[in-house]
Amino acid sequence: MRAFHGQMSDNQPIRRSLAEKQKQLRDLRETLANMKSHTAASLRESVQKRIRQLEAELAAAPAMKAPAARGRDTGDRAPSRSPRRRPERG
């Protein structure tokens, strides 16, 4: 059976918010700290790799948000449309 567009099984990366990424990073660090000494090296390396990826994404996140926020802070703009007025009764 084929998946319809947008279904979770479409082999697309899961989009996570900044808070979710921070939580995942905490969980992975805790997992790495709790690993036993006889844990497979490949598993340990994959967790460390994902931690490095998340740290890089979180470090880049404030830099990506700064230009967008700077553009919105201009308070001297006129409203995009005029407010609605009631029809005159006469």
C-alpha atoms as a PDB file:
ATOM      1  CA  MET A   1       0.000   0.000   0.000  1.00  0.00           C
ATOM      2  CA  ARG A   2       1.393   3.410  -0.890  1.00  0.00           C
ATOM      3  CA  ALA A   3       1.616   6.345   1.447  1.00  0.00           C
ATOM      4  CA  PHE A   4      -0.289   9.504   0.662  1.00  0.00           C
ATOM      5  CA  HIS A   5       1.554  12.819   0.464  1.00  0.00           C
ATOM      6  CA  GLY A   6       2.479  14.217   3.865  1.00  0.00           C
ATOM      7  CA  GLN A   7       2.131  10.916   5.698  1.00  0.00           C
ATOM      8  CA  MET A   8       4.766  10.252   8.352  1.00  0.00           C
ATOM      9  CA  SER A   9       6.138   7.274   6.402  1.00  0.00           C
ATOM     10  CA  ASP A  10       7.228   9.482   3.478  1.00  0.00           C
ATOM     11  CA  ASN A  11      10.903   9.189   4.493  1.00  0.00           C
ATOM     12  CA  GLN A  12      11.089  12.882   5.379  1.00  0.00           C
ATOM     13  CA  PRO A  13      12.989  14.315   8.317  1.00  0.00           C
ATOM     14  CA  ILE A  14      10.857  15.124  11.331  1.00  0.00           C
ATOM     15  CA  ARG A  15      10.731  18.875  11.928  1.00  0.00           C
ATOM     16  CA  ARG A  16      11.346  19.763  15.554  1.00  0.00           C
ATOM     17  CA  SER A  17      11.030  23.059  17.355  1.00  0.00           C
ATOM     18  CA  LEU A  18      13.903  24.610  19.262  1.00  0.00           C
ATOM     19  CA  ALA A  19      12.529  23.380  22.599  1.00  0.00           C
ATOM     20  CA  GLU A  20      12.132  19.843  21.268  1.00  0.00           C
ATOM     21  CA  LYS A  21      15.720  19.856  20.002  1.00  0.00           C
ATOM     22  CA  GLN A  22      16.977  21.033  23.390  1.00  0.00           C
ATOM     23  CA  LYS A  23      15.033  18.262  25.113  1.00  0.00           C
ATOM     24  CA  GLN A  24      16.376  15.672  22.685  1.00  0.00           C
ATOM     25  CA  LEU A  25      19.926  16.922  23.304  1.00  0.00           C
ATOM     26  CA  ARG A  26      19.453  16.574  27.084  1.00  0.00           C
ATOM     27  CA  ASP A  27      18.047  13.072  26.635  1.00  0.00           C
ATOM     28  CA  LEU A  28      20.899  11.978  24.376  1.00  0.00           C
ATOM     29  CA  ARG A  29      23.535  13.330  26.786  1.00  0.00           C
ATOM     30  CA  GLU A  30      21.849  11.447  29.611  1.00  0.00           C
ATOM     31  CA  THR A  31      21.724   8.286  27.489  1.00  0.00           C
ATOM     32  CA  LEU A  32      25.416   8.610  26.658  1.00  0.00           C
ATOM     33  CA  ALA A  33      26.300   9.111  30.324  1.00  0.00           C
ATOM     34  CA  ASN A  34      24.268   6.033  31.335  1.00  0.00           C
ATOM     35  CA  MET A  35      25.799   3.707  28.722  1.00  0.00           C
ATOM     36  CA  LYS A  36      27.672   0.743  30.118  1.00  0.00           C
ATOM     37  CA  SER A  37      31.340   0.150  29.375  1.00  0.00           C
ATOM     38  CA  HIS A  38      30.500  -2.870  27.198  1.00  0.00           C
ATOM     39  CA  THR A  39      28.095  -0.917  24.955  1.00  0.00           C
ATOM     40  CA  ALA A  40      28.911  -1.306  21.262  1.00  0.00           C
ATOM     41  CA  ALA A  41      31.296   1.331  19.982  1.00  0.00           C
ATOM     42  CA  SER A  42      29.152   1.956  16.905  1.00  0.00           C
ATOM     43  CA  LEU A  43      26.122   2.767  19.085  1.00  0.00           C
ATOM     44  CA  ARG A  44      28.177   5.116  21.252  1.00  0.00           C
ATOM     45  CA  GLU A  45      29.572   6.848  18.147  1.00  0.00           C
ATOM     46  CA  SER A  46      26.128   7.291  16.591  1.00  0.00           C
ATOM     47  CA  VAL A  47      24.798   8.933  19.775  1.00  0.00           C
ATOM     48  CA  GLN A  48      27.846  11.211  19.935  1.00  0.00           C
ATOM     49  CA  LYS A  49      27.383  12.132  16.267  1.00  0.00           C
ATOM     50  CA  ARG A  50      23.720  13.071  16.838  1.00  0.00           C
ATOM     51  CA  ILE A  51      24.720  15.150  19.880  1.00  0.00           C
ATOM     52  CA  ARG A  52      27.234  17.072  17.741  1.00  0.00           C
ATOM     53  CA  GLN A  53      24.586  17.632  15.038  1.00  0.00           C
ATOM     54  CA  LEU A  54      22.053  18.955  17.549  1.00  0.00           C
ATOM     55  CA  GLU A  55      24.637  21.238  19.159  1.00  0.00           C
ATOM     56  CA  ALA A  56      25.469  22.679  15.733  1.00  0.00           C
ATOM     57  CA  GLU A  57      21.778  23.207  14.920  1.00  0.00           C
ATOM     58  CA  LEU A  58      21.131  24.902  18.258  1.00  0.00           C
ATOM     59  CA  ALA A  59      24.177  27.130  17.846  1.00  0.00           C
ATOM     60  CA  ALA A  60      22.967  28.206  14.391  1.00  0.00           C
ATOM     61  CA  ALA A  61      19.342  28.736  15.480  1.00  0.00           C
ATOM     62  CA  PRO A  62      19.759  32.187  17.149  1.00  0.00           C
ATOM     63  CA  ALA A  63      21.753  33.442  14.167  1.00  0.00           C
ATOM     64  CA  MET A  64      18.964  32.408  11.805  1.00  0.00           C
ATOM     65  CA  LYS A  65      16.260  34.104  13.880  1.00  0.00           C
ATOM     66  CA  ALA A  66      18.095  37.411  14.416  1.00  0.00           C
ATOM     67  CA  PRO A  67      17.654  38.923  10.895  1.00  0.00           C
ATOM     68  CA  ALA A  68      13.949  38.074  10.802  1.00  0.00           C
ATOM     69  CA  ALA A  69      13.311  39.593  14.227  1.00  0.00           C
ATOM     70  CA  ARG A  70      15.256  42.714  13.339  1.00  0.00           C
ATOM     71  CA  GLY A  71      12.986  43.380  10.356  1.00  0.00           C
ATOM     72  CA  ARG A  72       9.825  43.188  12.476  1.00  0.00           C
ATOM     73  CA  ASP A  73      10.903  45.658  15.155  1.00  0.00           C
ATOM     74  CA  THR A  74      10.284  48.748  13.053  1.00  0.00           C
ATOM     75  CA  GLY A  75       7.445  50.514  14.821  1.00  0.00           C
ATOM     76  CA  ASP A  76       7.169  53.483  12.442  1.00  0.00           C
ATOM     77  CA  ARG A  77       5.380  51.522   9.718  1.00  0.00           C
ATOM     78  CA  ALA A  78       1.828  52.277   8.720  1.00  0.00           C
ATOM     79  CA  PRO A  79      -0.723  49.487   9.121  1.00  0.00           C
ATOM     80  CA  SER A  80      -1.008  47.219   6.102  1.00  0.00           C
ATOM     81  CA  ARG A  81      -4.686  48.056   5.575  1.00  0.00           C
ATOM     82  CA  SER A  82      -7.121  50.608   6.860  1.00  0.00           C
ATOM     83  CA  PRO A  83      -9.520  49.591   9.632  1.00  0.00           C
ATOM     84  CA  ARG A  84     -13.108  48.785   8.710  1.00  0.00           C
ATOM     85  CA  ARG A  85     -15.678  51.500   9.041  1.00  0.00           C
ATOM     86  CA  ARG A  86     -19.343  51.159   9.687  1.00  0.00           C
ATOM     87  CA  PRO A  87     -21.603  52.091   6.790  1.00  0.00           C
ATOM     88  CA  GLU A  88     -23.282  55.450   7.214  1.00  0.00           C
ATOM     89  CA  ARG A  89     -26.962  55.320   8.024  1.00  0.00           C
ATOM     90  CA  GLY A  90     -29.023  58.060   6.724  1.00  0.00           C
END
